[in-house]
C-alpha cells in the first residue's frame, strides 16, 4: 500500500517537473496595460481635436454674428418705431393725341418698346389716358388695371395705381385688340 506522504511527494515531484518542462507563462497584464494606455491616448487626441474644431467654428460664427448689423434694432425706450418705405412714382402717358403709344415723361424713349427701370418695392403709377376705350395692364400683376372707359370725355383721364413689384421684367400694354401689336406697350424693369 501507498502511503499518503508518498502520494503527496509524487504529486509535488510531478508538478515540479511540469513547471520546469513548460515554457514560462508570459504575464498578460503589461500587454493589456499598454493597449489600454494606447486606447486612452487615442481617445484623448480625438476628443481634443473635436473640441478644437468646435471651438474654432464657434469663434467664426460669433465673429460673423458680431460683425453683422442688427436688421431689426430695438427702439429706444419711450420711443415708437416707424418704418418709412420709399415709394417710386412713375408717370405714364398713354395714347397722346390718339396715337397707339406709351411714354414715360422725363425718360428718354430711345428703345422700342420704351422702358423704365425702377427699384423693387412699392411703385406708384400715375397714368394719363388721353384716349377713351384703352385698358392698360401690367403683365404678372393681376391687381393692376387702368381704364378710360368713358368715350364721351374729350379730356384725358388720370388714373393712379400703386403696386408692389418684385425684381423682374413687366410688360405694360393695352388690352384693346391690336393695340399691343401696333406698339402700345412699354417695358418696366424692376431691380
Protein backbone atom coordinates (compact mmCIF):
# COMPACT_ATOMS: atom_id res chain seq x y z
CA UNK A 1 0.00 0.00 0.00
CA UNK A 2 0.99 3.50 -0.75
CA UNK A 3 1.04 5.90 1.98
CA UNK A 4 -0.39 9.43 1.77
CA UNK A 5 3.00 11.02 2.23
CA UNK A 6 4.27 9.09 -0.74
CA UNK A 7 1.37 10.24 -2.89
CA UNK A 8 1.97 13.79 -1.79
CA UNK A 9 5.66 13.57 -2.74
CA UNK A 10 4.81 12.07 -6.13
CA UNK A 11 2.34 14.84 -6.72
CA UNK A 12 4.87 17.53 -5.82
CA UNK A 13 7.57 15.93 -7.98
CA UNK A 14 5.20 15.80 -10.96
CA UNK A 15 4.24 19.43 -10.51
CA UNK A 16 7.88 20.48 -10.20
CA UNK A 17 8.92 18.60 -13.34
CA UNK A 18 5.92 20.02 -15.27
CA UNK A 19 6.89 23.50 -14.20
CA UNK A 20 10.46 23.07 -15.41
CA UNK A 21 9.48 21.43 -18.73
CA UNK A 22 6.78 24.01 -19.66
CA UNK A 23 7.80 27.34 -21.19
CA UNK A 24 7.42 30.25 -18.84
CA UNK A 25 3.97 31.88 -18.96
CA UNK A 26 4.03 35.45 -20.24
CA UNK A 27 2.10 37.70 -17.89
CA UNK A 28 -0.63 39.40 -20.00
CA UNK A 29 -1.05 42.30 -17.57
CA UNK A 30 1.69 44.52 -19.08
CA UNK A 31 0.37 43.97 -22.64
CA UNK A 32 -3.17 44.76 -21.57
CA UNK A 33 -1.96 47.81 -19.68
CA UNK A 34 -0.06 49.06 -22.78
CA UNK A 35 -3.13 48.54 -25.01
CA UNK A 36 -5.42 50.33 -22.54
CA UNK A 37 -2.95 53.20 -22.28
CA UNK A 38 -2.73 53.45 -26.11
CA UNK A 39 -6.54 53.49 -26.43
CA UNK A 40 -6.77 56.24 -23.82
CA UNK A 41 -4.21 58.36 -25.72
CA UNK A 42 -6.12 57.91 -28.98
CA UNK A 43 -9.44 58.86 -27.34
CA UNK A 44 -7.84 61.89 -25.68
CA UNK A 45 -6.34 63.03 -29.00
CA UNK A 46 -9.64 62.58 -30.88
CA UNK A 47 -11.66 64.34 -28.18
CA UNK A 48 -9.16 67.21 -28.05
CA UNK A 49 -9.22 67.56 -31.84
CA UNK A 50 -13.03 67.64 -31.91
CA UNK A 51 -13.07 70.22 -29.12
CA UNK A 52 -10.59 72.43 -31.03
CA UNK A 53 -12.66 72.21 -34.25
CA UNK A 54 -15.91 73.05 -32.42
CA UNK A 55 -14.26 75.96 -30.59
CA UNK A 56 -12.91 77.31 -33.90
CA UNK A 57 -16.33 77.04 -35.54
CA UNK A 58 -17.92 78.87 -32.60
CA UNK A 59 -15.34 81.65 -32.82
CA UNK A 60 -16.01 82.09 -36.54
CA UNK A 61 -19.81 82.02 -36.06
CA UNK A 62 -19.68 84.55 -33.23
CA UNK A 63 -17.39 86.77 -35.30
CA UNK A 64 -19.85 86.72 -38.18
CA UNK A 65 -22.79 87.49 -35.91
CA UNK A 66 -20.98 90.30 -34.11
CA UNK A 67 -19.95 91.98 -37.39
CA UNK A 68 -23.46 91.83 -38.87
CA UNK A 69 -25.66 94.82 -38.05
CA UNK A 70 -29.00 94.02 -36.48
CA UNK A 71 -31.64 94.13 -39.24
CA UNK A 72 -34.33 94.94 -36.67
CA UNK A 73 -32.76 97.12 -33.98
CA UNK A 74 -34.83 97.58 -30.88
CA UNK A 75 -36.36 101.03 -30.47
CA UNK A 76 -35.06 103.26 -27.72
CA UNK A 77 -37.05 103.16 -24.51
CA UNK A 78 -40.00 105.54 -24.60
CA UNK A 79 -39.99 105.88 -28.40
CA UNK A 80 -42.08 104.33 -31.11
CA UNK A 81 -40.53 102.83 -34.18
CA UNK A 82 -41.90 103.73 -37.60
CA UNK A 83 -40.80 102.27 -40.88
CA UNK A 84 -40.57 104.57 -43.85
CA UNK A 85 -40.90 102.85 -47.21
CA UNK A 86 -39.83 104.81 -50.25
CA UNK A 87 -42.44 104.74 -53.00
CA UNK A 88 -41.26 105.18 -56.56
CA UNK A 89 -43.59 107.24 -58.74
CA UNK A 90 -43.74 106.51 -62.45
CA UNK A 91 -45.55 108.92 -64.77
CA UNK A 92 -47.14 107.22 -67.81
CA UNK A 93 -48.84 108.83 -70.81
CA UNK A 94 -50.97 106.58 -72.99
CA UNK A 95 -52.25 107.37 -76.49
CA UNK A 96 -51.13 111.00 -76.71
CA UNK A 97 -53.12 112.65 -79.47
CA UNK A 98 -54.82 109.35 -80.30
CA UNK A 99 -51.52 107.56 -81.05
CA UNK A 100 -51.01 103.95 -80.02
CA UNK A 101 -48.00 104.51 -77.78
CA UNK A 102 -46.99 104.61 -74.13
CA UNK A 103 -44.33 107.02 -72.90
CA UNK A 104 -42.63 107.91 -69.64
CA UNK A 105 -42.31 111.72 -69.38
CA UNK A 106 -38.80 112.80 -68.41
CA UNK A 107 -37.33 109.49 -69.63
CA UNK A 108 -35.53 109.09 -72.94
CA UNK A 109 -37.55 106.90 -75.29
CA UNK A 110 -34.70 105.55 -77.38
CA UNK A 111 -35.74 101.92 -77.01
CA UNK A 112 -38.67 100.22 -78.67
CA UNK A 113 -40.73 99.48 -76.74
CA UNK A 114 -39.95 102.33 -74.32
CA UNK A 115 -38.64 101.14 -70.98
CA UNK A 116 -38.06 102.38 -67.47
CA UNK A 117 -36.04 100.90 -64.61
CA UNK A 118 -37.37 101.17 -61.04
CA UNK A 119 -36.27 99.70 -57.70
CA UNK A 120 -38.16 96.73 -56.26
CA UNK A 121 -40.89 97.57 -53.79
CA UNK A 122 -43.89 99.87 -53.91
CA UNK A 123 -44.34 101.71 -57.22
CA UNK A 124 -46.98 104.38 -57.78
CA UNK A 125 -48.08 104.64 -61.42
CA UNK A 126 -49.72 107.95 -62.40
CA UNK A 127 -51.28 107.27 -65.79
CA UNK A 128 -52.70 109.87 -68.17
CA UNK A 129 -55.13 108.09 -70.50
CA UNK A 130 -55.55 110.51 -73.41
CA UNK A 131 -57.97 108.40 -75.46
CA UNK A 132 -61.17 106.61 -74.49
CA UNK A 133 -61.52 102.84 -74.74
CA UNK A 134 -57.97 101.99 -73.66
CA UNK A 135 -57.25 99.45 -70.90
CA UNK A 136 -53.68 99.31 -69.66
CA UNK A 137 -52.45 96.25 -67.75
CA UNK A 138 -49.12 95.21 -66.27
CA UNK A 139 -48.45 91.54 -67.10
CA UNK A 140 -47.81 89.45 -63.99
CA UNK A 141 -49.59 91.93 -61.69
CA UNK A 142 -53.30 90.97 -61.63
CA UNK A 143 -54.38 93.92 -59.47
CA UNK A 144 -53.06 96.46 -61.98
CA UNK A 145 -55.62 97.80 -64.49
CA UNK A 146 -56.07 101.37 -65.78
CA UNK A 147 -59.14 102.10 -67.91
CA UNK A 148 -60.55 105.15 -69.71
CA UNK A 149 -63.98 103.70 -70.41
CA UNK A 150 -65.93 106.95 -70.90
CA UNK A 151 -65.93 107.64 -74.67
CA UNK A 152 -67.84 110.91 -74.16
CA UNK A 153 -64.91 112.56 -72.32
CA UNK A 154 -62.70 114.70 -74.53
CA UNK A 155 -60.12 115.45 -71.83
CA UNK A 156 -57.54 112.99 -70.56
CA UNK A 157 -58.31 110.84 -67.52
CA UNK A 158 -55.62 110.44 -64.86
CA UNK A 159 -55.59 107.13 -63.01
CA UNK A 160 -53.28 106.25 -60.11
CA UNK A 161 -52.32 102.67 -59.27
CA UNK A 162 -49.89 101.62 -56.54
CA UNK A 163 -48.46 98.10 -56.64
CA UNK A 164 -45.53 96.33 -55.03
CA UNK A 165 -43.18 94.85 -57.61
CA UNK A 166 -40.58 92.14 -57.18
CA UNK A 167 -37.41 92.15 -59.30
CA UNK A 168 -38.09 91.18 -62.90
CA UNK A 169 -39.39 92.49 -66.23
CA UNK A 170 -43.04 93.53 -66.66
CA UNK A 171 -44.83 94.45 -69.89
CA UNK A 172 -47.19 97.44 -69.63
CA UNK A 173 -49.59 97.29 -72.58
CA UNK A 174 -53.10 97.98 -73.86
CA UNK A 175 -55.66 95.16 -73.92
CA UNK A 176 -57.66 96.65 -76.78
CA UNK A 177 -57.30 94.15 -79.67
CA UNK A 178 -54.45 95.09 -81.99
CA UNK A 179 -53.10 97.93 -79.82
CA UNK A 180 -50.17 95.99 -78.29
CA UNK A 181 -49.17 94.72 -81.72
CA UNK A 182 -49.32 98.31 -83.04
CA UNK A 183 -46.78 99.47 -80.44
CA UNK A 184 -48.92 100.46 -77.44
CA UNK A 185 -46.57 98.78 -75.00
CA UNK A 186 -43.70 99.64 -72.64
CA UNK A 187 -41.26 97.62 -70.51
CA UNK A 188 -40.94 98.13 -66.74
CA UNK A 189 -37.67 96.68 -65.42
CA UNK A 190 -37.58 96.19 -61.65
CA UNK A 191 -34.23 95.73 -59.93
